[in-house]
PDB file of N, CA and C in Angstrom:
ATOM      1  N   UNK A   1    -134.203  22.798  63.469  1.00  0.00           N
ATOM      2  CA  UNK A   1    -132.887  22.575  62.881  1.00  0.00           C
ATOM      3  C   UNK A   1    -132.552  23.735  61.941  1.00  0.00           C
ATOM      4  N   UNK A   2    -131.327  24.170  62.018  1.00  0.00           N
ATOM      5  CA  UNK A   2    -130.876  25.293  61.215  1.00  0.00           C
ATOM      6  C   UNK A   2    -130.511  24.794  59.823  1.00  0.00           C
ATOM      7  N   UNK A   3    -131.080  25.455  58.775  1.00  0.00           N
ATOM      8  CA  UNK A   3    -130.788  25.081  57.404  1.00  0.00           C
ATOM      9  C   UNK A   3    -129.426  25.567  56.959  1.00  0.00           C
ATOM     10  N   UNK A   4    -128.982  25.055  55.828  1.00  0.00           N
ATOM     11  CA  UNK A   4    -127.660  25.400  55.300  1.00  0.00           C
ATOM     12  C   UNK A   4    -127.529  26.906  55.043  1.00  0.00           C
ATOM     13  N   UNK A   5    -128.557  27.546  54.484  1.00  0.00           N
ATOM     14  CA  UNK A   5    -128.471  28.983  54.216  1.00  0.00           C
ATOM     15  C   UNK A   5    -128.331  29.789  55.503  1.00  0.00           C
ATOM     16  N   UNK A   6    -129.010  29.361  56.562  1.00  0.00           N
ATOM     17  CA  UNK A   6    -128.897  30.051  57.851  1.00  0.00           C
ATOM     18  C   UNK A   6    -127.495  29.868  58.422  1.00  0.00           C
ATOM     19  N   UNK A   7    -126.926  28.672  58.279  1.00  0.00           N
ATOM     20  CA  UNK A   7    -125.561  28.436  58.754  1.00  0.00           C
ATOM     21  C   UNK A   7    -124.567  29.302  57.986  1.00  0.00           C
ATOM     22  N   UNK A   8    -124.758  29.424  56.674  1.00  0.00           N
ATOM     23  CA  UNK A   8    -123.876  30.264  55.868  1.00  0.00           C
ATOM     24  C   UNK A   8    -123.943  31.709  56.353  1.00  0.00           C
ATOM     25  N   UNK A   9    -125.145  32.177  56.651  1.00  0.00           N
ATOM     26  CA  UNK A   9    -125.314  33.546  57.142  1.00  0.00           C
ATOM     27  C   UNK A   9    -124.624  33.708  58.499  1.00  0.00           C
ATOM     28  N   UNK A  10    -124.804  32.743  59.386  1.00  0.00           N
ATOM     29  CA  UNK A  10    -124.169  32.808  60.700  1.00  0.00           C
ATOM     30  C   UNK A  10    -122.651  32.808  60.574  1.00  0.00           C
ATOM     31  N   UNK A  11    -122.119  31.909  59.756  1.00  0.00           N
ATOM     32  CA  UNK A  11    -120.670  31.807  59.617  1.00  0.00           C
ATOM     33  C   UNK A  11    -120.084  33.031  58.921  1.00  0.00           C
ATOM     34  N   UNK A  12    -120.839  33.633  58.010  1.00  0.00           N
ATOM     35  CA  UNK A  12    -120.376  34.870  57.371  1.00  0.00           C
ATOM     36  C   UNK A  12    -120.265  35.987  58.398  1.00  0.00           C
ATOM     37  N   UNK A  13    -121.271  36.124  59.259  1.00  0.00           N
ATOM     38  CA  UNK A  13    -121.209  37.129  60.321  1.00  0.00           C
ATOM     39  C   UNK A  13    -120.023  36.843  61.236  1.00  0.00           C
ATOM     40  N   UNK A  14    -119.820  35.601  61.585  1.00  0.00           N
ATOM     41  CA  UNK A  14    -118.703  35.235  62.444  1.00  0.00           C
ATOM     42  C   UNK A  14    -117.373  35.589  61.776  1.00  0.00           C
ATOM     43  N   UNK A  15    -117.225  35.273  60.499  1.00  0.00           N
ATOM     44  CA  UNK A  15    -115.988  35.616  59.779  1.00  0.00           C
ATOM     45  C   UNK A  15    -115.800  37.126  59.668  1.00  0.00           C
ATOM     46  N   UNK A  16    -116.884  37.855  59.428  1.00  0.00           N
ATOM     47  CA  UNK A  16    -116.781  39.314  59.402  1.00  0.00           C
ATOM     48  C   UNK A  16    -116.236  39.826  60.722  1.00  0.00           C
ATOM     49  N   UNK A  17    -116.716  39.264  61.829  1.00  0.00           N
ATOM     50  CA  UNK A  17    -116.259  39.693  63.151  1.00  0.00           C
ATOM     51  C   UNK A  17    -114.798  39.295  63.380  1.00  0.00           C
ATOM     52  N   UNK A  18    -114.464  38.048  63.061  1.00  0.00           N
ATOM     53  CA  UNK A  18    -113.118  37.557  63.329  1.00  0.00           C
ATOM     54  C   UNK A  18    -112.058  38.269  62.490  1.00  0.00           C
ATOM     55  N   UNK A  19    -112.430  38.788  61.334  1.00  0.00           N
ATOM     56  CA  UNK A  19    -111.474  39.478  60.465  1.00  0.00           C
ATOM     57  C   UNK A  19    -111.616  41.001  60.548  1.00  0.00           C
ATOM     58  N   UNK A  20    -112.367  41.471  61.519  1.00  0.00           N
ATOM     59  CA  UNK A  20    -112.608  42.911  61.636  1.00  0.00           C
ATOM     60  C   UNK A  20    -111.479  43.604  62.397  1.00  0.00           C
ATOM     61  N   UNK A  21    -111.463  44.907  62.271  1.00  0.00           N
ATOM     62  CA  UNK A  21    -110.508  45.738  63.000  1.00  0.00           C
ATOM     63  C   UNK A  21    -111.265  46.910  63.616  1.00  0.00           C
ATOM     64  N   UNK A  22    -110.687  47.478  64.660  1.00  0.00           N
ATOM     65  CA  UNK A  22    -111.292  48.639  65.308  1.00  0.00           C
ATOM     66  C   UNK A  22    -110.843  49.895  64.592  1.00  0.00           C
ATOM     67  N   UNK A  23    -111.794  50.793  64.419  1.00  0.00           N
ATOM     68  CA  UNK A  23    -111.514  52.044  63.719  1.00  0.00           C
ATOM     69  C   UNK A  23    -112.219  53.183  64.445  1.00  0.00           C
ATOM     70  N   UNK A  24    -111.501  54.288  64.621  1.00  0.00           N
ATOM     71  CA  UNK A  24    -112.093  55.458  65.270  1.00  0.00           C
ATOM     72  C   UNK A  24    -113.084  56.111  64.314  1.00  0.00           C
ATOM     73  N   UNK A  25    -114.163  56.629  64.882  1.00  0.00           N
ATOM     74  CA  UNK A  25    -115.211  57.285  64.108  1.00  0.00           C
ATOM     75  C   UNK A  25    -115.645  58.525  64.874  1.00  0.00           C
ATOM     76  N   UNK A  26    -116.376  59.391  64.213  1.00  0.00           N
ATOM     77  CA  UNK A  26    -116.893  60.597  64.848  1.00  0.00           C
ATOM     78  C   UNK A  26    -117.707  60.249  66.092  1.00  0.00           C
ATOM     79  N   UNK A  27    -118.418  59.128  66.032  1.00  0.00           N
ATOM     80  CA  UNK A  27    -119.299  58.733  67.131  1.00  0.00           C
ATOM     81  C   UNK A  27    -118.632  57.768  68.101  1.00  0.00           C
ATOM     82  N   UNK A  28    -117.357  57.511  67.960  1.00  0.00           N
ATOM     83  CA  UNK A  28    -116.654  56.595  68.845  1.00  0.00           C
ATOM     84  C   UNK A  28    -115.859  55.590  68.037  1.00  0.00           C
ATOM     85  N   UNK A  29    -115.851  54.372  68.504  1.00  0.00           N
ATOM     86  CA  UNK A  29    -115.092  53.312  67.864  1.00  0.00           C
ATOM     87  C   UNK A  29    -116.037  52.321  67.212  1.00  0.00           C
ATOM     88  N   UNK A  30    -115.629  51.766  66.066  1.00  0.00           N
ATOM     89  CA  UNK A  30    -116.451  50.762  65.398  1.00  0.00           C
ATOM     90  C   UNK A  30    -115.559  49.639  64.901  1.00  0.00           C
ATOM     91  N   UNK A  31    -116.182  48.513  64.598  1.00  0.00           N
ATOM     92  CA  UNK A  31    -115.472  47.375  64.036  1.00  0.00           C
ATOM     93  C   UNK A  31    -115.812  47.287  62.561  1.00  0.00           C
ATOM     94  N   UNK A  32    -114.782  47.342  61.697  1.00  0.00           N
ATOM     95  CA  UNK A  32    -114.978  47.272  60.251  1.00  0.00           C
ATOM     96  C   UNK A  32    -114.415  45.963  59.720  1.00  0.00           C
ATOM     97  N   UNK A  33    -114.934  45.530  58.590  1.00  0.00           N
ATOM     98  CA  UNK A  33    -114.450  44.320  57.936  1.00  0.00           C
ATOM     99  C   UNK A  33    -114.646  44.452  56.435  1.00  0.00           C
ATOM    100  N   UNK A  34    -113.765  43.828  55.669  1.00  0.00           N
ATOM    101  CA  UNK A  34    -113.913  43.822  54.222  1.00  0.00           C
ATOM    102  C   UNK A  34    -115.119  42.975  53.844  1.00  0.00           C
ATOM    103  N   UNK A  35    -115.830  43.386  52.814  1.00  0.00           N
ATOM    104  CA  UNK A  35    -117.024  42.641  52.426  1.00  0.00           C
ATOM    105  C   UNK A  35    -116.752  41.717  51.245  1.00  0.00           C
ATOM    106  N   UNK A  36    -115.882  40.755  51.455  1.00  0.00           N
ATOM    107  CA  UNK A  36    -115.526  39.775  50.435  1.00  0.00           C
ATOM    108  C   UNK A  36    -116.366  38.516  50.551  1.00  0.00           C
ATOM    109  N   UNK A  37    -117.635  38.669  50.730  1.00  0.00           N
ATOM    110  CA  UNK A  37    -118.556  37.559  50.914  1.00  0.00           C
ATOM    111  C   UNK A  37    -119.726  37.735  49.953  1.00  0.00           C
ATOM    112  N   UNK A  38    -120.505  36.687  49.733  1.00  0.00           N
ATOM    113  CA  UNK A  38    -121.636  36.806  48.791  1.00  0.00           C
ATOM    114  C   UNK A  38    -122.566  37.966  49.162  1.00  0.00           C
ATOM    115  N   UNK A  39    -122.888  38.779  48.156  1.00  0.00           N
ATOM    116  CA  UNK A  39    -123.719  39.952  48.413  1.00  0.00           C
ATOM    117  C   UNK A  39    -125.105  39.586  48.923  1.00  0.00           C
ATOM    118  N   UNK A  40    -125.628  38.435  48.532  1.00  0.00           N
ATOM    119  CA  UNK A  40    -126.948  38.034  49.029  1.00  0.00           C
ATOM    120  C   UNK A  40    -126.918  37.886  50.553  1.00  0.00           C
ATOM    121  N   UNK A  41    -125.847  37.289  51.053  1.00  0.00           N
ATOM    122  CA  UNK A  41    -125.707  37.094  52.505  1.00  0.00           C
ATOM    123  C   UNK A  41    -125.483  38.442  53.183  1.00  0.00           C
ATOM    124  N   UNK A  42    -124.617  39.274  52.615  1.00  0.00           N
ATOM    125  CA  UNK A  42    -124.381  40.599  53.190  1.00  0.00           C
ATOM    126  C   UNK A  42    -125.663  41.421  53.221  1.00  0.00           C
ATOM    127  N   UNK A  43    -126.476  41.315  52.187  1.00  0.00           N
ATOM    128  CA  UNK A  43    -127.752  42.031  52.159  1.00  0.00           C
ATOM    129  C   UNK A  43    -128.675  41.561  53.275  1.00  0.00           C
ATOM    130  N   UNK A  44    -128.717  40.239  53.523  1.00  0.00           N
ATOM    131  CA  UNK A  44    -129.546  39.717  54.612  1.00  0.00           C
ATOM    132  C   UNK A  44    -129.060  40.233  55.960  1.00  0.00           C
ATOM    133  N   UNK A  45    -127.743  40.240  56.156  1.00  0.00           N
ATOM    134  CA  UNK A  45    -127.183  40.736  57.416  1.00  0.00           C
ATOM    135  C   UNK A  45    -127.479  42.226  57.589  1.00  0.00           C
ATOM    136  N   UNK A  46    -127.469  42.972  56.489  1.00  0.00           N
ATOM    137  CA  UNK A  46    -127.819  44.391  56.529  1.00  0.00           C
ATOM    138  C   UNK A  46    -129.292  44.563  56.868  1.00  0.00           C
ATOM    139  N   UNK A  47    -130.148  43.763  56.239  1.00  0.00           N
ATOM    140  CA  UNK A  47    -131.586  43.835  56.506  1.00  0.00           C
ATOM    141  C   UNK A  47    -131.904  43.543  57.970  1.00  0.00           C
ATOM    142  N   UNK A  48    -131.100  42.694  58.600  1.00  0.00           N
ATOM    143  CA  UNK A  48    -131.292  42.350  60.011  1.00  0.00           C
ATOM    144  C   UNK A  48    -130.564  43.321  60.933  1.00  0.00           C
ATOM    145  N   UNK A  49    -129.960  44.373  60.365  1.00  0.00           N
ATOM    146  CA  UNK A  49    -129.222  45.413  61.094  1.00  0.00           C
ATOM    147  C   UNK A  49    -128.065  44.842  61.910  1.00  0.00           C
ATOM    148  N   UNK A  50    -127.400  43.812  61.371  1.00  0.00           N
ATOM    149  CA  UNK A  50    -126.220  43.255  62.012  1.00  0.00           C
ATOM    150  C   UNK A  50    -124.953  43.901  61.472  1.00  0.00           C
ATOM    151  N   UNK A  51    -125.028  44.378  60.233  1.00  0.00           N
ATOM    152  CA  UNK A  51    -123.931  45.133  59.626  1.00  0.00           C
ATOM    153  C   UNK A  51    -124.525  46.333  58.897  1.00  0.00           C
ATOM    154  N   UNK A  52    -123.678  47.312  58.627  1.00  0.00           N
ATOM    155  CA  UNK A  52    -124.084  48.492  57.859  1.00  0.00           C
ATOM    156  C   UNK A  52    -122.929  48.903  56.964  1.00  0.00           C
ATOM    157  N   UNK A  53    -123.258  49.575  55.893  1.00  0.00           N
ATOM    158  CA  UNK A  53    -122.227  50.080  54.995  1.00  0.00           C
ATOM    159  C   UNK A  53    -122.822  50.495  53.677  1.00  0.00           C
ATOM    160  N   UNK A  54    -122.130  51.358  52.996  1.00  0.00           N
ATOM    161  CA  UNK A  54    -122.547  51.859  51.699  1.00  0.00           C
ATOM    162  C   UNK A  54    -122.346  50.793  50.630  1.00  0.00           C
ATOM    163  N   UNK A  55    -123.182  50.818  49.627  1.00  0.00           N
ATOM    164  CA  UNK A  55    -123.033  49.895  48.501  1.00  0.00           C
ATOM    165  C   UNK A  55    -121.694  50.144  47.807  1.00  0.00           C
ATOM    166  N   UNK A  56    -121.271  51.394  47.763  1.00  0.00           N
ATOM    167  CA  UNK A  56    -120.026  51.759  47.091  1.00  0.00           C
ATOM    168  C   UNK A  56    -118.787  51.421  47.918  1.00  0.00           C
ATOM    169  N   UNK A  57    -118.959  51.233  49.205  1.00  0.00           N
ATOM    170  CA  UNK A  57    -117.846  50.969  50.104  1.00  0.00           C
ATOM    171  C   UNK A  57    -117.326  49.543  49.939  1.00  0.00           C
ATOM    172  N   UNK A  58    -116.029  49.353  50.184  1.00  0.00           N
ATOM    173  CA  UNK A  58    -115.432  48.020  50.120  1.00  0.00           C
ATOM    174  C   UNK A  58    -115.446  47.320  51.475  1.00  0.00           C
ATOM    175  N   UNK A  59    -115.923  48.036  52.481  1.00  0.00           N
ATOM    176  CA  UNK A  59    -115.992  47.439  53.810  1.00  0.00           C
ATOM    177  C   UNK A  59    -117.351  47.742  54.433  1.00  0.00           C
ATOM    178  N   UNK A  60    -117.642  47.012  55.490  1.00  0.00           N
ATOM    179  CA  UNK A  60    -118.865  47.225  56.259  1.00  0.00           C
ATOM    180  C   UNK A  60    -118.463  47.394  57.713  1.00  0.00           C
ATOM    181  N   UNK A  61    -119.381  47.870  58.537  1.00  0.00           N
ATOM    182  CA  UNK A  61    -119.099  47.849  59.963  1.00  0.00           C
ATOM    183  C   UNK A  61    -120.176  47.059  60.677  1.00  0.00           C
ATOM    184  N   UNK A  62    -119.775  46.439  61.755  1.00  0.00           N
ATOM    185  CA  UNK A  62    -120.684  45.627  62.540  1.00  0.00           C
ATOM    186  C   UNK A  62    -121.411  46.522  63.536  1.00  0.00           C
ATOM    187  N   UNK A  63    -122.720  46.352  63.628  1.00  0.00           N
ATOM    188  CA  UNK A  63    -123.497  47.087  64.619  1.00  0.00           C
ATOM    189  C   UNK A  63    -123.280  46.443  65.985  1.00  0.00           C
ATOM    190  N   UNK A  64    -123.723  47.117  67.031  1.00  0.00           N
ATOM    191  CA  UNK A  64    -123.620  46.527  68.373  1.00  0.00           C
ATOM    192  C   UNK A  64    -124.344  45.183  68.417  1.00  0.00           C
ATOM    193  N   UNK A  65    -125.506  45.110  67.773  1.00  0.00           N
ATOM    194  CA  UNK A  65    -126.262  43.851  67.711  1.00  0.00           C
ATOM    195  C   UNK A  65    -125.467  42.800  66.955  1.00  0.00           C
ATOM    196  N   UNK A  66    -124.813  43.210  65.870  1.00  0.00           N
ATOM    197  CA  UNK A  66    -124.002  42.286  65.088  1.00  0.00           C
ATOM    198  C   UNK A  66    -122.822  41.746  65.875  1.00  0.00           C
ATOM    199  N   UNK A  67    -122.179  42.610  66.640  1.00  0.00           N
ATOM    200  CA  UNK A  67    -121.049  42.182  67.479  1.00  0.00           C
ATOM    201  C   UNK A  67    -121.532  41.194  68.535  1.00  0.00           C
ATOM    202  N   UNK A  68    -122.651  41.503  69.167  1.00  0.00           N
ATOM    203  CA  UNK A  68    -123.202  40.610  70.188  1.00  0.00           C
ATOM    204  C   UNK A  68    -123.544  39.243  69.586  1.00  0.00           C
ATOM    205  N   UNK A  69    -124.194  39.261  68.428  1.00  0.00           N
ATOM    206  CA  UNK A  69    -124.562  38.013  67.752  1.00  0.00           C
ATOM    207  C   UNK A  69    -123.312  37.226  67.354  1.00  0.00           C
ATOM    208  N   UNK A  70    -122.289  37.914  66.856  1.00  0.00           N
ATOM    209  CA  UNK A  70    -121.051  37.254  66.454  1.00  0.00           C
ATOM    210  C   UNK A  70    -120.370  36.587  67.645  1.00  0.00           C
ATOM    211  N   UNK A  71    -120.383  37.245  68.791  1.00  0.00           N
ATOM    212  CA  UNK A  71    -119.785  36.645  69.992  1.00  0.00           C
ATOM    213  C   UNK A  71    -120.545  35.405  70.422  1.00  0.00           C
ATOM    214  N   UNK A  72    -121.868  35.412  70.272  1.00  0.00           N
ATOM    215  CA  UNK A  72    -122.668  34.221  70.567  1.00  0.00           C
ATOM    216  C   UNK A  72    -122.356  33.109  69.576  1.00  0.00           C
ATOM    217  N   UNK A  73    -122.126  33.462  68.321  1.00  0.00           N
ATOM    218  CA  UNK A  73    -121.777  32.472  67.304  1.00  0.00           C
ATOM    219  C   UNK A  73    -120.395  31.897  67.543  1.00  0.00           C
ATOM    220  N   UNK A  74    -119.477  32.685  68.097  1.00  0.00           N
ATOM    221  CA  UNK A  74    -118.162  32.164  68.470  1.00  0.00           C
ATOM    222  C   UNK A  74    -118.322  31.043  69.474  1.00  0.00           C
ATOM    223  N   UNK A  75    -119.179  31.266  70.450  1.00  0.00           N
ATOM    224  CA  UNK A  75    -119.436  30.243  71.461  1.00  0.00           C
ATOM    225  C   UNK A  75    -120.056  29.006  70.807  1.00  0.00           C
ATOM    226  N   UNK A  76    -120.983  29.207  69.917  1.00  0.00           N
ATOM    227  CA  UNK A  76    -121.685  28.098  69.262  1.00  0.00           C
ATOM    228  C   UNK A  76    -120.742  27.264  68.391  1.00  0.00           C
ATOM    229  N   UNK A  77    -119.943  27.919  67.575  1.00  0.00           N
ATOM    230  CA  UNK A  77    -119.136  27.206  66.593  1.00  0.00           C
ATOM    231  C   UNK A  77    -117.709  26.910  67.035  1.00  0.00           C
ATOM    232  N   UNK A  78    -117.165  27.692  67.952  1.00  0.00           N
ATOM    233  CA  UNK A  78    -115.750  27.562  68.288  1.00  0.00           C
ATOM    234  C   UNK A  78    -115.472  27.064  69.695  1.00  0.00           C
ATOM    235  N   UNK A  79    -116.496  26.780  70.471  1.00  0.00           N
ATOM    236  CA  UNK A  79    -116.275  26.444  71.888  1.00  0.00           C
ATOM    237  C   UNK A  79    -115.501  25.136  72.080  1.00  0.00           C
ATOM    238  N   UNK A  80    -115.540  24.247  71.106  1.00  0.00           N
ATOM    239  CA  UNK A  80    -114.879  22.960  71.274  1.00  0.00           C
ATOM    240  C   UNK A  80    -113.476  22.896  70.659  1.00  0.00           C
ATOM    241  N   UNK A  81    -112.984  24.036  70.149  1.00  0.00           N
ATOM    242  CA  UNK A  81    -111.637  24.050  69.595  1.00  0.00           C
ATOM    243  C   UNK A  81    -110.615  23.979  70.694  1.00  0.00           C
ATOM    244  N   UNK A  82    -109.595  23.171  70.498  1.00  0.00           N
ATOM    245  CA  UNK A  82    -108.541  23.030  71.487  1.00  0.00           C
ATOM    246  C   UNK A  82    -107.749  24.322  71.594  1.00  0.00           C
ATOM    247  N   UNK A  83    -107.498  24.755  72.813  1.00  0.00           N
ATOM    248  CA  UNK A  83    -106.726  25.965  73.041  1.00  0.00           C
ATOM    249  C   UNK A  83    -107.529  27.233  72.838  1.00  0.00           C
ATOM    250  N   UNK A  84    -108.828  27.109  72.722  1.00  0.00           N
ATOM    251  CA  UNK A  84    -109.682  28.283  72.488  1.00  0.00           C
ATOM    252  C   UNK A  84    -109.754  29.111  73.770  1.00  0.00           C
ATOM    253  N   UNK A  85    -109.549  30.396  73.651  1.00  0.00           N
ATOM    254  CA  UNK A  85    -109.572  31.276  74.822  1.00  0.00           C
ATOM    255  C   UNK A  85    -110.738  32.247  74.728  1.00  0.00           C
ATOM    256  N   UNK A  86    -111.941  31.734  74.547  1.00  0.00           N
ATOM    257  CA  UNK A  86    -113.116  32.590  74.511  1.00  0.00           C
ATOM    258  C   UNK A  86    -113.363  33.044  75.900  1.00  0.00           C
TER     259      UNK A  86
END
């Protein structure tokens, strides 16, 4: 069973993905999101290499692994919403 802290981490990643935007970068395109979430959770997501970003930055970007995980979390948490077009 998933504990409350794990659910908070999952939902934070999902919200980061859902509120992200695409941005051009030297290495291609990336998805960025504002980091208006608890720093403890953001630090855990960074440690798991799901997001990256500078401490001084106001936004983070989702790694390929983070995007993949977020899409799986969409299925987990949002699959039963009416009118959902996943």
